[in-house]
Amino acid sequence: MPPGDAEDVLTRMIAEDFQTKHGVPALFSIRQGCKGRGQEIGFWLRSVEFAGWFMLYVVAVPQLGYLPTTILLAVALSARLGYRGAKYLGSAALFGAIVVVIFKSLLQVKVPGAAYELLPATLRSVFLTYFQAPQWKPSFRA
């Protein structure tokens, strides 16, 4: 259904009527190549998959820790989007590690570090020192 056909004209008329009656702008979309409203709705519902990926990430961070979960998510999303070569997956892992360094070291965002307990003692101390936000301690002055 190309723009300008009967359905497009009718949709625009309904949108204009809605705007006039309610004083609220109406948004409608006729995508090139979409055959009917079902396909249009399907196009928008496909983005729900990525909300699911994010929810899985939120649940996994307290269990696995911020660093491994972020790297794992970056690599998994890269593979999901079709970038499966070693160069792409390595770049995604590096990106995940850089995100952790920025958020934990530079911005000092407090996030769980559960998986750090699984590291050998010397490596664990490095990660807890440089990738853990400092704990806030209240100071009471008289």
Protein backbone atom coordinates (compact mmCIF):
# COMPACT_ATOMS: atom_id res chain seq x y z
CA MET A 1 0.00 0.00 0.00
CA PRO A 2 1.94 2.99 -1.20
CA PRO A 3 1.56 6.42 0.34
CA GLY A 4 -1.41 8.20 -1.19
CA ASP A 5 -3.66 5.18 -1.55
CA ALA A 6 -7.10 4.96 0.07
CA GLU A 7 -5.85 3.55 3.38
CA ASP A 8 -3.15 6.21 3.67
CA VAL A 9 -5.62 9.04 2.96
CA LEU A 10 -8.15 7.62 5.44
CA THR A 11 -5.46 7.24 8.13
CA ARG A 12 -4.39 10.86 7.65
CA MET A 13 -8.00 12.07 7.87
CA ILE A 14 -8.57 10.14 11.11
CA ALA A 15 -5.32 11.53 12.55
CA GLU A 16 -6.30 15.11 11.68
CA ASP A 17 -9.74 14.60 13.24
CA PHE A 18 -8.12 13.16 16.39
CA GLN A 19 -5.77 16.14 16.64
CA THR A 20 -8.63 18.61 16.26
CA LYS A 21 -10.89 16.94 18.83
CA HIS A 22 -8.29 16.18 21.50
CA GLY A 23 -5.63 18.82 20.95
CA VAL A 24 -2.96 16.13 20.98
CA PRO A 25 -0.70 15.42 18.01
CA ALA A 26 -1.38 12.07 16.34
CA LEU A 27 1.46 9.94 15.04
CA PHE A 28 0.95 7.38 12.35
CA SER A 29 3.28 5.52 10.08
CA ILE A 30 2.95 3.88 6.71
CA ARG A 31 6.21 2.02 6.13
CA GLN A 32 7.42 1.33 2.67
CA GLY A 33 7.04 -2.40 2.05
CA CYS A 34 4.66 -3.09 4.96
CA LYS A 35 1.51 -4.88 3.88
CA GLY A 36 -1.15 -3.86 6.35
CA ARG A 37 -1.22 -2.97 10.03
CA GLY A 38 -0.25 -6.46 11.21
CA GLN A 39 3.13 -6.20 9.56
CA GLU A 40 3.58 -2.68 10.93
CA ILE A 41 2.80 -3.87 14.47
CA GLY A 42 5.16 -6.82 14.00
CA PHE A 43 7.91 -4.41 12.99
CA TRP A 44 7.54 -2.56 16.31
CA LEU A 45 7.18 -5.70 18.42
CA ARG A 46 10.53 -7.05 17.20
CA SER A 47 12.23 -4.44 19.36
CA VAL A 48 10.79 -6.13 22.47
CA GLU A 49 13.50 -8.79 22.04
CA PHE A 50 16.13 -6.25 23.06
CA ALA A 51 14.17 -5.29 26.17
CA GLY A 52 14.35 -8.99 27.05
CA TRP A 53 18.14 -8.98 26.54
CA PHE A 54 18.39 -6.01 28.89
CA MET A 55 16.21 -7.66 31.55
CA LEU A 56 18.39 -10.79 31.35
CA TYR A 57 21.44 -8.56 31.84
CA VAL A 58 19.89 -6.86 34.88
CA VAL A 59 19.14 -10.24 36.47
CA ALA A 60 22.62 -11.64 35.67
CA VAL A 61 24.74 -8.73 36.99
CA PRO A 62 24.19 -9.50 40.71
CA GLN A 63 24.84 -13.21 40.08
CA LEU A 64 27.92 -13.05 37.84
CA GLY A 65 29.28 -9.57 38.49
CA TYR A 66 29.41 -6.47 36.35
CA LEU A 67 32.57 -7.20 34.34
CA PRO A 68 31.78 -10.72 33.08
CA THR A 69 28.11 -9.95 32.48
CA THR A 70 28.86 -6.80 30.48
CA ILE A 71 31.44 -8.59 28.33
CA LEU A 72 29.08 -11.54 27.85
CA LEU A 73 26.19 -9.26 26.83
CA ALA A 74 28.34 -7.32 24.35
CA VAL A 75 29.57 -10.53 22.72
CA ALA A 76 26.09 -12.13 22.70
CA LEU A 77 24.45 -9.07 21.12
CA SER A 78 27.22 -8.85 18.53
CA ALA A 79 26.62 -12.49 17.60
CA ARG A 80 22.84 -11.98 17.63
CA LEU A 81 23.12 -9.09 15.18
CA GLY A 82 25.16 -11.23 12.80
CA TYR A 83 28.69 -10.10 13.62
CA ARG A 84 30.14 -13.53 14.36
CA GLY A 85 33.72 -13.23 13.13
CA ALA A 86 36.59 -13.37 15.62
CA LYS A 87 37.42 -9.71 14.92
CA TYR A 88 33.86 -8.60 15.74
CA LEU A 89 33.46 -10.76 18.83
CA GLY A 90 36.87 -9.64 20.13
CA SER A 91 35.92 -6.01 19.52
CA ALA A 92 32.65 -6.55 21.38
CA ALA A 93 34.50 -8.11 24.35
CA LEU A 94 36.96 -5.20 24.39
CA PHE A 95 34.06 -2.72 24.22
CA GLY A 96 32.42 -4.45 27.21
CA ALA A 97 35.64 -4.23 29.21
CA ILE A 98 36.07 -0.54 28.34
CA VAL A 99 32.49 0.16 29.45
CA VAL A 100 33.25 -1.46 32.82
CA VAL A 101 36.48 0.52 33.23
CA ILE A 102 34.68 3.80 32.47
CA PHE A 103 31.72 3.14 34.74
CA LYS A 104 33.57 1.63 37.70
CA SER A 105 36.89 3.48 37.68
CA LEU A 106 36.22 6.87 36.14
CA LEU A 107 32.54 7.44 37.00
CA GLN A 108 32.76 5.36 40.21
CA VAL A 109 29.34 3.78 39.72
CA LYS A 110 28.61 1.24 42.45
CA VAL A 111 27.63 -2.08 40.91
CA PRO A 112 27.91 -5.67 42.17
CA GLY A 113 31.20 -7.50 41.71
CA ALA A 114 30.10 -11.04 42.62
CA ALA A 115 32.37 -12.87 40.18
CA TYR A 116 35.48 -11.17 41.59
CA GLU A 117 35.31 -13.59 44.52
CA LEU A 118 36.01 -16.45 42.07
CA LEU A 119 39.34 -14.95 40.92
CA PRO A 120 42.73 -15.97 42.36
CA ALA A 121 43.73 -13.86 45.38
CA THR A 122 46.25 -11.60 43.61
CA LEU A 123 43.99 -10.92 40.66
CA ARG A 124 40.98 -10.45 42.95
CA SER A 125 42.78 -7.70 44.89
CA VAL A 126 43.61 -5.86 41.63
CA PHE A 127 39.99 -6.03 40.45
CA LEU A 128 38.57 -5.00 43.82
CA THR A 129 41.06 -2.12 44.05
CA TYR A 130 40.75 -0.69 40.56
CA PHE A 131 37.32 -1.83 39.38
CA GLN A 132 35.32 -1.33 42.56
CA ALA A 133 33.88 2.05 43.50
CA PRO A 134 35.09 3.26 46.90
CA GLN A 135 32.68 2.72 49.75
CA TRP A 136 31.11 5.89 51.12
CA LYS A 137 31.84 6.49 54.76
CA PRO A 138 29.95 9.19 56.60
CA SER A 139 32.08 11.65 58.53
CA PHE A 140 30.70 13.28 61.62
CA ARG A 141 32.33 16.52 62.56
CA ALA A 142 31.42 18.55 65.57
